[in-house]
């Protein structure tokens, strides 16, 4: 995913096996951590790598929400 919000087209991907998901969590022009968590819960990737954030608090919030659904890696 690039700079995107939680748009309807994302739900069309849930039937595909997604191993690694790079997901924007920075808010503003991209998804908030909560919206990104909704996308992860919908898509159920094996590994999620959050991108496009500057506040480490966004990472912590995202990680804490999605940890049961995916493995989160901070690059």
PDB file of N, CA and C in Angstrom:
ATOM      1  N   UNK A   1       0.841  -1.169   0.000  1.00  0.00           N
ATOM      2  CA  UNK A   1       0.000   0.000   0.000  1.00  0.00           C
ATOM      3  C   UNK A   1       0.891   1.239   0.000  1.00  0.00           C
ATOM      4  N   UNK A   2       0.439   2.267  -0.670  1.00  0.00           N
ATOM      5  CA  UNK A   2       1.162   3.532  -0.647  1.00  0.00           C
ATOM      6  C   UNK A   2       0.399   4.519   0.210  1.00  0.00           C
ATOM      7  N   UNK A   3       0.351   5.750  -0.219  1.00  0.00           N
ATOM      8  CA  UNK A   3      -0.405   6.764   0.507  1.00  0.00           C
ATOM      9  C   UNK A   3      -1.882   6.538   0.232  1.00  0.00           C
ATOM     10  N   UNK A   4      -2.573   5.932   1.164  1.00  0.00           N
ATOM     11  CA  UNK A   4      -3.976   5.607   0.949  1.00  0.00           C
ATOM     12  C   UNK A   4      -4.754   5.657   2.246  1.00  0.00           C
ATOM     13  N   UNK A   5      -6.042   5.707   2.107  1.00  0.00           N
ATOM     14  CA  UNK A   5      -6.968   5.559   3.226  1.00  0.00           C
ATOM     15  C   UNK A   5      -7.549   4.158   3.149  1.00  0.00           C
ATOM     16  N   UNK A   6      -8.395   3.840   4.107  1.00  0.00           N
ATOM     17  CA  UNK A   6      -9.069   2.557   4.086  1.00  0.00           C
ATOM     18  C   UNK A   6     -10.224   2.654   3.100  1.00  0.00           C
ATOM     19  N   UNK A   7      -9.936   2.343   1.843  1.00  0.00           N
ATOM     20  CA  UNK A   7     -10.917   2.476   0.766  1.00  0.00           C
ATOM     21  C   UNK A   7     -11.575   1.126   0.482  1.00  0.00           C
ATOM     22  N   UNK A   8     -12.713   1.162  -0.169  1.00  0.00           N
ATOM     23  CA  UNK A   8     -13.508  -0.035  -0.437  1.00  0.00           C
ATOM     24  C   UNK A   8     -12.735  -1.091  -1.228  1.00  0.00           C
ATOM     25  N   UNK A   9     -11.875  -0.670  -2.135  1.00  0.00           N
ATOM     26  CA  UNK A   9     -11.123  -1.621  -2.969  1.00  0.00           C
ATOM     27  C   UNK A   9     -10.242  -2.557  -2.137  1.00  0.00           C
ATOM     28  N   UNK A  10      -9.850  -2.130  -0.962  1.00  0.00           N
ATOM     29  CA  UNK A  10      -9.009  -2.974  -0.111  1.00  0.00           C
ATOM     30  C   UNK A  10      -9.749  -4.250   0.279  1.00  0.00           C
ATOM     31  N   UNK A  11     -11.049  -4.152   0.505  1.00  0.00           N
ATOM     32  CA  UNK A  11     -11.805  -5.344   0.901  1.00  0.00           C
ATOM     33  C   UNK A  11     -11.799  -6.410  -0.194  1.00  0.00           C
ATOM     34  N   UNK A  12     -11.599  -6.014  -1.447  1.00  0.00           N
ATOM     35  CA  UNK A  12     -11.517  -6.969  -2.546  1.00  0.00           C
ATOM     36  C   UNK A  12     -10.282  -7.842  -2.490  1.00  0.00           C
ATOM     37  N   UNK A  13      -9.308  -7.460  -1.686  1.00  0.00           N
ATOM     38  CA  UNK A  13      -8.065  -8.226  -1.572  1.00  0.00           C
ATOM     39  C   UNK A  13      -8.137  -9.326  -0.519  1.00  0.00           C
ATOM     40  N   UNK A  14      -9.194  -9.353   0.278  1.00  0.00           N
ATOM     41  CA  UNK A  14      -9.224 -10.284   1.407  1.00  0.00           C
ATOM     42  C   UNK A  14      -9.238 -11.749   0.995  1.00  0.00           C
ATOM     43  N   UNK A  15      -9.592 -12.052  -0.228  1.00  0.00           N
ATOM     44  CA  UNK A  15      -9.599 -13.445  -0.689  1.00  0.00           C
ATOM     45  C   UNK A  15      -8.216 -13.909  -1.128  1.00  0.00           C
ATOM     46  N   UNK A  16      -7.275 -12.993  -1.203  1.00  0.00           N
ATOM     47  CA  UNK A  16      -5.914 -13.313  -1.613  1.00  0.00           C
ATOM     48  C   UNK A  16      -5.065 -13.582  -0.370  1.00  0.00           C
ATOM     49  N   UNK A  17      -4.098 -14.453  -0.489  1.00  0.00           N
ATOM     50  CA  UNK A  17      -3.166 -14.696   0.605  1.00  0.00           C
ATOM     51  C   UNK A  17      -2.104 -13.601   0.590  1.00  0.00           C
ATOM     52  N   UNK A  18      -2.064 -12.825   1.635  1.00  0.00           N
ATOM     53  CA  UNK A  18      -1.095 -11.730   1.724  1.00  0.00           C
ATOM     54  C   UNK A  18      -0.076 -12.104   2.785  1.00  0.00           C
ATOM     55  N   UNK A  19       1.166 -12.224   2.371  1.00  0.00           N
ATOM     56  CA  UNK A  19       2.232 -12.593   3.305  1.00  0.00           C
ATOM     57  C   UNK A  19       2.810 -11.382   4.016  1.00  0.00           C
ATOM     58  N   UNK A  20       3.159 -10.357   3.246  1.00  0.00           N
ATOM     59  CA  UNK A  20       3.783  -9.159   3.816  1.00  0.00           C
ATOM     60  C   UNK A  20       3.007  -7.943   3.348  1.00  0.00           C
ATOM     61  N   UNK A  21       2.601  -7.118   4.308  1.00  0.00           N
ATOM     62  CA  UNK A  21       1.830  -5.920   4.004  1.00  0.00           C
ATOM     63  C   UNK A  21       2.562  -4.700   4.545  1.00  0.00           C
ATOM     64  N   UNK A  22       2.971  -3.805   3.656  1.00  0.00           N
ATOM     65  CA  UNK A  22       3.506  -2.508   4.045  1.00  0.00           C
ATOM     66  C   UNK A  22       2.308  -1.571   4.134  1.00  0.00           C
ATOM     67  N   UNK A  23       2.040  -1.024   5.319  1.00  0.00           N
ATOM     68  CA  UNK A  23       0.805  -0.279   5.516  1.00  0.00           C
ATOM     69  C   UNK A  23       1.071   1.089   6.146  1.00  0.00           C
ATOM     70  N   UNK A  24       0.521   2.163   5.552  1.00  0.00           N
ATOM     71  CA  UNK A  24       0.728   3.510   6.089  1.00  0.00           C
ATOM     72  C   UNK A  24      -0.132   3.728   7.328  1.00  0.00           C
ATOM     73  N   UNK A  25       0.463   4.328   8.380  1.00  0.00           N
ATOM     74  CA  UNK A  25      -0.276   4.517   9.627  1.00  0.00           C
ATOM     75  C   UNK A  25      -0.176   5.935  10.170  1.00  0.00           C
ATOM     76  N   UNK A  26       0.322   6.876   9.389  1.00  0.00           N
ATOM     77  CA  UNK A  26       0.646   8.198   9.913  1.00  0.00           C
ATOM     78  C   UNK A  26      -0.489   9.180  10.077  1.00  0.00           C
ATOM     79  N   UNK A  27      -1.701   8.857   9.648  1.00  0.00           N
ATOM     80  CA  UNK A  27      -2.805   9.805   9.747  1.00  0.00           C
ATOM     81  C   UNK A  27      -2.653  10.907   8.709  1.00  0.00           C
ATOM     82  N   UNK A  28      -3.531  11.875   8.754  1.00  0.00           N
ATOM     83  CA  UNK A  28      -3.485  12.972   7.778  1.00  0.00           C
ATOM     84  C   UNK A  28      -3.915  12.488   6.406  1.00  0.00           C
ATOM     85  N   UNK A  29      -2.973  12.395   5.486  1.00  0.00           N
ATOM     86  CA  UNK A  29      -3.295  11.961   4.119  1.00  0.00           C
ATOM     87  C   UNK A  29      -3.243  10.445   3.950  1.00  0.00           C
ATOM     88  N   UNK A  30      -2.917   9.731   5.013  1.00  0.00           N
ATOM     89  CA  UNK A  30      -2.925   8.264   4.991  1.00  0.00           C
ATOM     90  C   UNK A  30      -3.780   7.757   6.159  1.00  0.00           C
ATOM     91  N   UNK A  31      -3.876   6.460   6.296  1.00  0.00           N
ATOM     92  CA  UNK A  31      -4.683   5.877   7.363  1.00  0.00           C
ATOM     93  C   UNK A  31      -4.147   6.232   8.745  1.00  0.00           C
ATOM     94  N   UNK A  32      -5.044   6.338   9.690  1.00  0.00           N
ATOM     95  CA  UNK A  32      -4.653   6.446  11.093  1.00  0.00           C
ATOM     96  C   UNK A  32      -4.263   5.049  11.568  1.00  0.00           C
ATOM     97  N   UNK A  33      -3.617   4.933  12.724  1.00  0.00           N
ATOM     98  CA  UNK A  33      -3.309   3.592  13.226  1.00  0.00           C
ATOM     99  C   UNK A  33      -4.556   2.707  13.364  1.00  0.00           C
ATOM    100  N   UNK A  34      -5.669   3.301  13.760  1.00  0.00           N
ATOM    101  CA  UNK A  34      -6.901   2.531  13.923  1.00  0.00           C
ATOM    102  C   UNK A  34      -7.459   2.053  12.576  1.00  0.00           C
ATOM    103  N   UNK A  35      -7.428   2.919  11.581  1.00  0.00           N
ATOM    104  CA  UNK A  35      -7.884   2.520  10.237  1.00  0.00           C
ATOM    105  C   UNK A  35      -6.973   1.442   9.661  1.00  0.00           C
ATOM    106  N   UNK A  36      -5.670   1.596   9.866  1.00  0.00           N
ATOM    107  CA  UNK A  36      -4.718   0.596   9.388  1.00  0.00           C
ATOM    108  C   UNK A  36      -4.956  -0.737  10.094  1.00  0.00           C
ATOM    109  N   UNK A  37      -5.290  -0.690  11.366  1.00  0.00           N
ATOM    110  CA  UNK A  37      -5.600  -1.916  12.102  1.00  0.00           C
ATOM    111  C   UNK A  37      -6.839  -2.591  11.519  1.00  0.00           C
ATOM    112  N   UNK A  38      -7.837  -1.803  11.149  1.00  0.00           N
ATOM    113  CA  UNK A  38      -9.033  -2.374  10.506  1.00  0.00           C
ATOM    114  C   UNK A  38      -8.658  -3.085   9.212  1.00  0.00           C
ATOM    115  N   UNK A  39      -7.764  -2.490   8.432  1.00  0.00           N
ATOM    116  CA  UNK A  39      -7.318  -3.104   7.182  1.00  0.00           C
ATOM    117  C   UNK A  39      -6.592  -4.426   7.457  1.00  0.00           C
ATOM    118  N   UNK A  40      -5.746  -4.437   8.479  1.00  0.00           N
ATOM    119  CA  UNK A  40      -5.022  -5.664   8.828  1.00  0.00           C
ATOM    120  C   UNK A  40      -5.988  -6.752   9.277  1.00  0.00           C
ATOM    121  N   UNK A  41      -6.971  -6.392  10.088  1.00  0.00           N
ATOM    122  CA  UNK A  41      -7.939  -7.385  10.551  1.00  0.00           C
ATOM    123  C   UNK A  41      -8.779  -7.929   9.388  1.00  0.00           C
ATOM    124  N   UNK A  42      -8.971  -7.116   8.372  1.00  0.00           N
ATOM    125  CA  UNK A  42      -9.705  -7.536   7.184  1.00  0.00           C
ATOM    126  C   UNK A  42      -8.861  -8.454   6.300  1.00  0.00           C
ATOM    127  N   UNK A  43      -7.606  -8.080   6.089  1.00  0.00           N
ATOM    128  CA  UNK A  43      -6.734  -8.787   5.151  1.00  0.00           C
ATOM    129  C   UNK A  43      -5.952  -9.943   5.767  1.00  0.00           C
ATOM    130  N   UNK A  44      -5.700  -9.893   7.055  1.00  0.00           N
ATOM    131  CA  UNK A  44      -4.967 -10.930   7.795  1.00  0.00           C
ATOM    132  C   UNK A  44      -3.619 -11.314   7.167  1.00  0.00           C
ATOM    133  N   UNK A  45      -2.744 -10.321   6.946  1.00  0.00           N
ATOM    134  CA  UNK A  45      -1.417 -10.664   6.418  1.00  0.00           C
ATOM    135  C   UNK A  45      -0.590 -11.396   7.476  1.00  0.00           C
ATOM    136  N   UNK A  46       0.365 -12.180   7.038  1.00  0.00           N
ATOM    137  CA  UNK A  46       1.255 -12.872   7.962  1.00  0.00           C
ATOM    138  C   UNK A  46       2.123 -11.868   8.709  1.00  0.00           C
ATOM    139  N   UNK A  47       2.665 -10.899   7.971  1.00  0.00           N
ATOM    140  CA  UNK A  47       3.548  -9.872   8.542  1.00  0.00           C
ATOM    141  C   UNK A  47       3.052  -8.509   8.096  1.00  0.00           C
ATOM    142  N   UNK A  48       3.015  -7.564   9.034  1.00  0.00           N
ATOM    143  CA  UNK A  48       2.660  -6.180   8.709  1.00  0.00           C
ATOM    144  C   UNK A  48       3.827  -5.269   9.059  1.00  0.00           C
ATOM    145  N   UNK A  49       4.166  -4.397   8.118  1.00  0.00           N
ATOM    146  CA  UNK A  49       5.249  -3.438   8.320  1.00  0.00           C
ATOM    147  C   UNK A  49       4.662  -2.041   8.172  1.00  0.00           C
ATOM    148  N   UNK A  50       4.506  -1.312   9.280  1.00  0.00           N
ATOM    149  CA  UNK A  50       3.938   0.033   9.203  1.00  0.00           C
ATOM    150  C   UNK A  50       4.927   1.019   8.578  1.00  0.00           C
ATOM    151  N   UNK A  51       4.383   1.918   7.747  1.00  0.00           N
ATOM    152  CA  UNK A  51       5.199   2.931   7.066  1.00  0.00           C
ATOM    153  C   UNK A  51       4.499   4.288   7.150  1.00  0.00           C
ATOM    154  N   UNK A  52       5.181   5.320   6.696  1.00  0.00           N
ATOM    155  CA  UNK A  52       4.647   6.681   6.599  1.00  0.00           C
ATOM    156  C   UNK A  52       4.169   7.236   7.938  1.00  0.00           C
ATOM    157  N   UNK A  53       4.992   7.094   8.976  1.00  0.00           N
ATOM    158  CA  UNK A  53       4.671   7.705  10.257  1.00  0.00           C
ATOM    159  C   UNK A  53       5.939   8.300  10.849  1.00  0.00           C
ATOM    160  N   UNK A  54       5.779   9.362  11.622  1.00  0.00           N
ATOM    161  CA  UNK A  54       6.921   9.990  12.280  1.00  0.00           C
ATOM    162  C   UNK A  54       6.823   9.891  13.798  1.00  0.00           C
ATOM    163  N   UNK A  55       5.640   9.690  14.312  1.00  0.00           N
ATOM    164  CA  UNK A  55       5.412   9.599  15.752  1.00  0.00           C
ATOM    165  C   UNK A  55       5.428   8.134  16.172  1.00  0.00           C
ATOM    166  N   UNK A  56       6.387   7.759  17.014  1.00  0.00           N
ATOM    167  CA  UNK A  56       6.492   6.364  17.454  1.00  0.00           C
ATOM    168  C   UNK A  56       5.221   5.899  18.170  1.00  0.00           C
ATOM    169  N   UNK A  57       4.478   6.831  18.731  1.00  0.00           N
ATOM    170  CA  UNK A  57       3.215   6.492  19.381  1.00  0.00           C
ATOM    171  C   UNK A  57       2.234   5.865  18.407  1.00  0.00           C
ATOM    172  N   UNK A  58       2.278   6.292  17.134  1.00  0.00           N
ATOM    173  CA  UNK A  58       1.418   5.688  16.119  1.00  0.00           C
ATOM    174  C   UNK A  58       1.767   4.211  15.945  1.00  0.00           C
ATOM    175  N   UNK A  59       3.069   3.919  15.912  1.00  0.00           N
ATOM    176  CA  UNK A  59       3.511   2.536  15.785  1.00  0.00           C
ATOM    177  C   UNK A  59       3.030   1.703  16.969  1.00  0.00           C
ATOM    178  N   UNK A  60       3.206   2.216  18.176  1.00  0.00           N
ATOM    179  CA  UNK A  60       2.829   1.483  19.381  1.00  0.00           C
ATOM    180  C   UNK A  60       1.326   1.202  19.393  1.00  0.00           C
ATOM    181  N   UNK A  61       0.536   2.200  19.051  1.00  0.00           N
ATOM    182  CA  UNK A  61      -0.916   2.021  19.017  1.00  0.00           C
ATOM    183  C   UNK A  61      -1.305   0.952  17.984  1.00  0.00           C
ATOM    184  N   UNK A  62      -0.737   1.056  16.791  1.00  0.00           N
ATOM    185  CA  UNK A  62      -1.018   0.087  15.728  1.00  0.00           C
ATOM    186  C   UNK A  62      -0.616  -1.318  16.167  1.00  0.00           C
ATOM    187  N   UNK A  63       0.595  -1.444  16.669  1.00  0.00           N
ATOM    188  CA  UNK A  63       1.111  -2.755  17.101  1.00  0.00           C
ATOM    189  C   UNK A  63       0.222  -3.383  18.171  1.00  0.00           C
ATOM    190  N   UNK A  64      -0.182  -2.586  19.148  1.00  0.00           N
ATOM    191  CA  UNK A  64      -0.976  -3.110  20.244  1.00  0.00           C
ATOM    192  C   UNK A  64      -2.350  -3.594  19.783  1.00  0.00           C
ATOM    193  N   UNK A  65      -2.908  -2.963  18.764  1.00  0.00           N
ATOM    194  CA  UNK A  65      -4.213  -3.376  18.256  1.00  0.00           C
ATOM    195  C   UNK A  65      -4.112  -4.651  17.420  1.00  0.00           C
ATOM    196  N   UNK A  66      -3.105  -4.738  16.551  1.00  0.00           N
ATOM    197  CA  UNK A  66      -3.067  -5.828  15.562  1.00  0.00           C
ATOM    198  C   UNK A  66      -2.231  -7.037  15.949  1.00  0.00           C
ATOM    199  N   UNK A  67      -1.512  -6.970  17.042  1.00  0.00           N
ATOM    200  CA  UNK A  67      -0.605  -8.058  17.418  1.00  0.00           C
ATOM    201  C   UNK A  67      -1.274  -9.427  17.378  1.00  0.00           C
ATOM    202  N   UNK A  68      -2.515  -9.613  17.802  1.00  0.00           N
ATOM    203  CA  UNK A  68      -3.090 -10.969  17.718  1.00  0.00           C
ATOM    204  C   UNK A  68      -3.377 -11.436  16.277  1.00  0.00           C
ATOM    205  N   UNK A  69      -3.424 -10.506  15.325  1.00  0.00           N
ATOM    206  CA  UNK A  69      -3.821 -10.840  13.957  1.00  0.00           C
ATOM    207  C   UNK A  69      -2.657 -10.981  12.987  1.00  0.00           C
ATOM    208  N   UNK A  70      -1.510 -10.433  13.331  1.00  0.00           N
ATOM    209  CA  UNK A  70      -0.357 -10.408  12.431  1.00  0.00           C
ATOM    210  C   UNK A  70       0.911 -10.196  13.243  1.00  0.00           C
ATOM    211  N   UNK A  71       2.035 -10.509  12.655  1.00  0.00           N
ATOM    212  CA  UNK A  71       3.320 -10.172  13.270  1.00  0.00           C
ATOM    213  C   UNK A  71       3.710  -8.791  12.762  1.00  0.00           C
ATOM    214  N   UNK A  72       4.050  -7.877  13.665  1.00  0.00           N
ATOM    215  CA  UNK A  72       4.396  -6.511  13.287  1.00  0.00           C
ATOM    216  C   UNK A  72       5.906  -6.335  13.354  1.00  0.00           C
ATOM    217  N   UNK A  73       6.463  -5.781  12.298  1.00  0.00           N
ATOM    218  CA  UNK A  73       7.897  -5.533  12.230  1.00  0.00           C
ATOM    219  C   UNK A  73       8.132  -4.042  12.035  1.00  0.00           C
ATOM    220  N   UNK A  74       9.009  -3.479  12.842  1.00  0.00           N
ATOM    221  CA  UNK A  74       9.403  -2.077  12.715  1.00  0.00           C
ATOM    222  C   UNK A  74      10.720  -2.013  11.976  1.00  0.00           C
ATOM    223  N   UNK A  75      10.726  -1.327  10.856  1.00  0.00           N
ATOM    224  CA  UNK A  75      11.976  -1.169  10.081  1.00  0.00           C
ATOM    225  C   UNK A  75      12.692   0.091  10.498  1.00  0.00           C
TER     226      UNK A  75
END
